[in-house]
Amino acid sequence: MTARRRFYKDVAVSDDLAVMLDGRRVKTPMKAPLVLPSQPLAEAVAAEWEAQGESIDPAAMILTRLANTAIDRMATGRDRIETEIVEYASSDLVCYRAEGPEALVARQSAAWNPVVDWALTGLDASIDVMIGVMHRPQRPEALAAVALALHRLTDFELAAQHSLTTLTGSALLGLMLAHRAIDAETAWAAVHVDEDYQIEFWGEDEEAAERRALRRQEFSACVRFLHLARPQG
């Protein structure tokens, strides 16, 4: 997406939680009104528009993009998105463990075992853990429990959940974040157990570090959106 010149002066939130530019409602790419489910999220999205300078940079407006997805795609594509996230859960990041070295195995266990444990207590999903990279499907009843948890999310929460899942490779970590069963810092560290272990031995590539920083921005925005999206009251 390319930047375009800022065409508005004033940004506000209406009584029905629509983002307004110079008194006019912002529209999604599909021409629907950009109406948010909670006052905090509406104000956060409006702040993205207010923060734009002489040009509008869509890449910097992650909350707006997630809201557009929730409004435009969920009405007709929600089932497909839920199915895609369940497919991630069937080969979730936290389920595949290294055979060695011992230090890496210990780090994976420390970071990922709590996620597997929570899946059982929080979702009633008994997740199998595999050694090595050979794929083995999770049990249907476990995936059904994950699917049920996704179905209970609002369209806005699911939009953030989908982005978090594709960004991290873990549907389970995304659901933990949705249930506030893990904080963002701990979840981010869990995603990078293997990478951080390798960095300790071989150092960090500058370009890889830049890509990771951009992914962290995306991750943080998704978590914020997820937590602000739940309607109040």
Protein backbone atom coordinates (compact mmCIF):
# COMPACT_ATOMS: atom_id res chain seq x y z
CA MET A 1 0.00 0.00 0.00
CA THR A 2 1.34 3.41 -0.96
CA ALA A 3 0.99 6.55 1.09
CA ARG A 4 -1.49 9.22 0.04
CA ARG A 5 -1.75 12.83 1.08
CA ARG A 6 -3.66 13.55 4.28
CA PHE A 7 -7.03 14.99 3.24
CA TYR A 8 -8.59 15.75 6.65
CA LYS A 9 -7.98 17.99 9.63
CA ASP A 10 -10.12 16.81 12.54
CA VAL A 11 -10.52 13.25 13.87
CA ALA A 12 -13.26 12.23 16.28
CA VAL A 13 -15.30 9.28 17.53
CA SER A 14 -19.09 9.46 17.19
CA ASP A 15 -21.60 8.40 19.83
CA ASP A 16 -22.04 5.06 18.02
CA LEU A 17 -18.24 4.50 17.99
CA ALA A 18 -17.60 5.36 14.35
CA VAL A 19 -14.32 7.05 13.41
CA MET A 20 -15.03 10.48 11.91
CA LEU A 21 -12.81 12.63 9.69
CA ASP A 22 -13.98 16.25 9.48
CA GLY A 23 -17.44 15.10 10.52
CA ARG A 24 -17.66 12.27 7.98
CA ARG A 25 -17.52 8.57 8.75
CA VAL A 26 -14.44 6.65 7.69
CA LYS A 27 -15.29 3.79 5.32
CA THR A 28 -13.63 0.40 5.02
CA PRO A 29 -12.28 -0.78 1.65
CA MET A 30 -15.70 -2.41 1.09
CA LYS A 31 -17.40 0.92 1.84
CA ALA A 32 -18.83 -0.08 5.22
CA PRO A 33 -18.70 2.43 8.10
CA LEU A 34 -15.66 1.98 10.35
CA VAL A 35 -17.60 1.36 13.56
CA LEU A 36 -15.79 -0.24 16.50
CA PRO A 37 -17.17 -2.47 19.27
CA SER A 38 -15.75 -0.54 22.24
CA GLN A 39 -14.91 3.03 23.15
CA PRO A 40 -11.23 2.25 23.91
CA LEU A 41 -10.73 0.56 20.54
CA ALA A 42 -12.54 3.35 18.69
CA GLU A 43 -10.29 5.91 20.36
CA ALA A 44 -7.18 3.85 19.56
CA VAL A 45 -8.13 3.57 15.88
CA ALA A 46 -8.95 7.28 15.76
CA ALA A 47 -5.53 8.00 17.27
CA GLU A 48 -3.89 6.20 14.33
CA TRP A 49 -5.64 8.58 11.93
CA GLU A 50 -4.75 11.58 14.08
CA ALA A 51 -1.08 10.52 14.17
CA GLN A 52 -0.70 10.66 10.39
CA GLY A 53 1.40 13.51 9.07
CA GLU A 54 1.16 15.15 5.67
CA SER A 55 0.83 11.70 4.11
CA ILE A 56 -1.22 8.70 5.23
CA ASP A 57 0.90 5.59 5.74
CA PRO A 58 -1.40 2.52 5.77
CA ALA A 59 1.46 0.29 6.97
CA ALA A 60 1.56 2.27 10.21
CA MET A 61 -2.19 1.83 10.80
CA ILE A 62 -2.31 -1.75 12.02
CA LEU A 63 -5.38 -1.29 14.23
CA THR A 64 -7.31 0.22 11.32
CA ARG A 65 -6.32 -2.67 9.09
CA LEU A 66 -7.50 -5.22 11.64
CA ALA A 67 -10.80 -3.37 12.04
CA ASN A 68 -11.28 -3.33 8.27
CA THR A 69 -10.68 -7.08 8.21
CA ALA A 70 -13.20 -7.68 10.98
CA ILE A 71 -15.88 -5.64 9.23
CA ASP A 72 -15.28 -6.61 5.60
CA ARG A 73 -14.15 -10.24 5.76
CA MET A 74 -15.90 -11.83 8.71
CA ALA A 75 -19.43 -11.55 7.37
CA THR A 76 -18.71 -13.99 4.54
CA GLY A 77 -15.33 -15.50 5.44
CA ARG A 78 -15.46 -16.21 9.16
CA ASP A 79 -15.84 -19.99 8.81
CA ARG A 80 -12.81 -20.18 6.53
CA ILE A 81 -10.71 -18.09 8.91
CA GLU A 82 -11.68 -20.24 11.90
CA THR A 83 -10.77 -23.36 9.91
CA GLU A 84 -7.39 -21.89 8.98
CA ILE A 85 -6.57 -21.17 12.63
CA VAL A 86 -7.58 -24.71 13.63
CA GLU A 87 -5.18 -26.01 10.98
CA TYR A 88 -2.40 -24.05 12.67
CA ALA A 89 -3.39 -25.66 15.97
CA SER A 90 -3.02 -29.10 14.40
CA SER A 91 0.71 -28.40 13.96
CA ASP A 92 1.16 -25.71 16.60
CA LEU A 93 4.60 -24.29 17.29
CA VAL A 94 4.53 -25.43 20.93
CA CYS A 95 3.83 -29.07 20.03
CA TYR A 96 7.08 -29.87 18.21
CA ARG A 97 10.14 -30.23 20.41
CA ALA A 98 13.82 -30.67 19.65
CA GLU A 99 15.64 -33.91 20.42
CA GLY A 100 18.59 -31.85 21.63
CA PRO A 101 20.74 -30.19 22.76
CA GLU A 102 19.61 -30.49 26.34
CA ALA A 103 19.67 -26.75 26.98
CA LEU A 104 17.29 -26.08 24.09
CA VAL A 105 14.97 -28.89 25.16
CA ALA A 106 14.84 -27.37 28.64
CA ARG A 107 14.03 -23.92 27.29
CA GLN A 108 11.28 -25.27 25.05
CA SER A 109 9.76 -27.16 27.95
CA ALA A 110 9.87 -24.12 30.24
CA ALA A 111 8.23 -21.85 27.67
CA TRP A 112 5.82 -24.24 25.96
CA ASN A 113 4.64 -26.71 28.59
CA PRO A 114 2.53 -24.02 30.30
CA VAL A 115 0.80 -23.39 26.96
CA VAL A 116 -0.04 -27.07 26.52
CA ASP A 117 -1.19 -27.26 30.14
CA TRP A 118 -3.44 -24.24 29.67
CA ALA A 119 -4.99 -25.74 26.55
CA LEU A 120 -6.21 -28.60 28.74
CA THR A 121 -7.42 -26.51 31.67
CA GLY A 122 -8.62 -23.49 29.70
CA LEU A 123 -10.00 -25.08 26.55
CA ASP A 124 -10.46 -28.74 27.51
CA ALA A 125 -8.09 -29.55 24.64
CA SER A 126 -5.61 -32.37 25.28
CA ILE A 127 -2.70 -31.46 23.01
CA ASP A 128 -0.09 -34.05 22.06
CA VAL A 129 3.59 -33.07 22.13
CA MET A 130 5.92 -34.56 19.51
CA ILE A 131 9.70 -34.93 19.43
CA GLY A 132 11.16 -33.98 16.08
CA VAL A 133 9.59 -32.32 13.06
CA MET A 134 7.56 -35.18 11.61
CA HIS A 135 3.93 -34.05 11.48
CA ARG A 136 1.35 -36.02 13.42
CA PRO A 137 -2.25 -34.78 13.53
CA GLN A 138 -3.74 -33.74 16.83
CA ARG A 139 -6.75 -35.66 18.06
CA PRO A 140 -10.08 -34.50 16.56
CA GLU A 141 -11.58 -33.79 19.97
CA ALA A 142 -8.68 -31.47 20.84
CA LEU A 143 -9.10 -29.54 17.60
CA ALA A 144 -12.86 -29.40 18.18
CA ALA A 145 -12.20 -27.71 21.52
CA VAL A 146 -9.97 -25.16 19.81
CA ALA A 147 -12.64 -24.57 17.17
CA LEU A 148 -15.25 -23.97 19.87
CA ALA A 149 -13.01 -21.40 21.57
CA LEU A 150 -12.55 -19.57 18.27
CA HIS A 151 -16.28 -19.63 17.57
CA ARG A 152 -16.88 -17.82 20.86
CA LEU A 153 -14.70 -14.87 19.84
CA THR A 154 -16.24 -11.76 18.34
CA ASP A 155 -15.45 -10.88 14.73
CA PHE A 156 -13.00 -8.24 15.93
CA GLU A 157 -11.26 -10.60 18.34
CA LEU A 158 -11.04 -13.26 15.64
CA ALA A 159 -9.42 -10.83 13.22
CA ALA A 160 -6.66 -10.20 15.75
CA GLN A 161 -6.45 -13.89 16.62
CA HIS A 162 -5.91 -14.78 12.97
CA SER A 163 -3.11 -12.24 12.59
CA LEU A 164 -1.45 -13.40 15.80
CA THR A 165 -1.65 -17.03 14.70
CA THR A 166 -0.10 -16.46 11.28
CA LEU A 167 2.52 -14.16 12.80
CA THR A 168 3.62 -16.57 15.54
CA GLY A 169 2.76 -20.01 14.17
CA SER A 170 0.80 -20.75 17.34
CA ALA A 171 -2.99 -20.74 17.61
CA LEU A 172 -2.69 -21.76 21.26
CA LEU A 173 -0.60 -18.75 22.25
CA GLY A 174 -3.09 -16.52 20.47
CA LEU A 175 -5.96 -18.03 22.43
CA MET A 176 -4.03 -17.63 25.67
CA LEU A 177 -3.64 -13.95 24.85
CA ALA A 178 -7.35 -13.68 24.06
CA HIS A 179 -8.18 -15.19 27.45
CA ARG A 180 -5.52 -13.02 29.17
CA ALA A 181 -3.87 -16.20 30.40
CA ILE A 182 -0.43 -14.97 29.30
CA ASP A 183 1.12 -11.53 28.90
CA ALA A 184 2.45 -10.26 25.60
CA GLU A 185 6.12 -10.28 26.65
CA THR A 186 6.00 -13.91 27.77
CA ALA A 187 4.16 -14.95 24.63
CA TRP A 188 6.66 -13.17 22.38
CA ALA A 189 9.56 -14.85 24.17
CA ALA A 190 7.86 -18.24 23.77
CA VAL A 191 7.59 -17.73 20.03
CA HIS A 192 11.34 -17.10 19.77
CA VAL A 193 12.80 -19.81 21.99
CA ASP A 194 14.57 -21.52 19.10
CA GLU A 195 15.66 -18.31 17.41
CA ASP A 196 17.05 -16.81 20.61
CA TYR A 197 18.95 -20.01 21.34
CA GLN A 198 20.62 -19.83 17.92
CA ILE A 199 21.42 -16.13 18.35
CA GLU A 200 23.33 -16.89 21.55
CA PHE A 201 25.65 -19.15 19.58
CA TRP A 202 25.91 -17.49 16.19
CA GLY A 203 24.95 -13.87 16.79
CA GLU A 204 22.12 -11.89 15.24
CA ASP A 205 21.97 -10.87 11.61
CA GLU A 206 21.19 -7.16 11.18
CA GLU A 207 18.49 -7.68 8.56
CA ALA A 208 16.91 -10.44 10.61
CA ALA A 209 16.88 -8.13 13.62
CA GLU A 210 15.10 -5.45 11.60
CA ARG A 211 12.49 -7.94 10.39
CA ARG A 212 11.96 -9.14 13.94
CA ALA A 213 11.47 -5.57 15.16
CA LEU A 214 8.78 -5.00 12.54
CA ARG A 215 7.09 -8.25 13.49
CA ARG A 216 7.18 -7.18 17.13
CA GLN A 217 5.36 -3.97 16.25
CA GLU A 218 2.71 -5.98 14.42
CA PHE A 219 2.45 -8.43 17.30
CA SER A 220 2.07 -5.71 19.92
CA ALA A 221 -0.62 -3.97 17.89
CA CYS A 222 -2.53 -7.23 17.43
CA VAL A 223 -2.45 -7.95 21.16
CA ARG A 224 -3.62 -4.43 21.92
CA PHE A 225 -6.45 -4.73 19.40
CA LEU A 226 -7.44 -8.10 20.83
CA HIS A 227 -7.69 -6.74 24.35
CA LEU A 228 -9.48 -3.53 23.37
CA ALA A 229 -11.95 -5.25 21.06
CA ARG A 230 -14.11 -6.88 23.71
CA PRO A 231 -17.27 -4.82 24.22
CA GLN A 232 -17.51 -3.17 27.61
CA GLY A 233 -20.28 -3.78 30.11
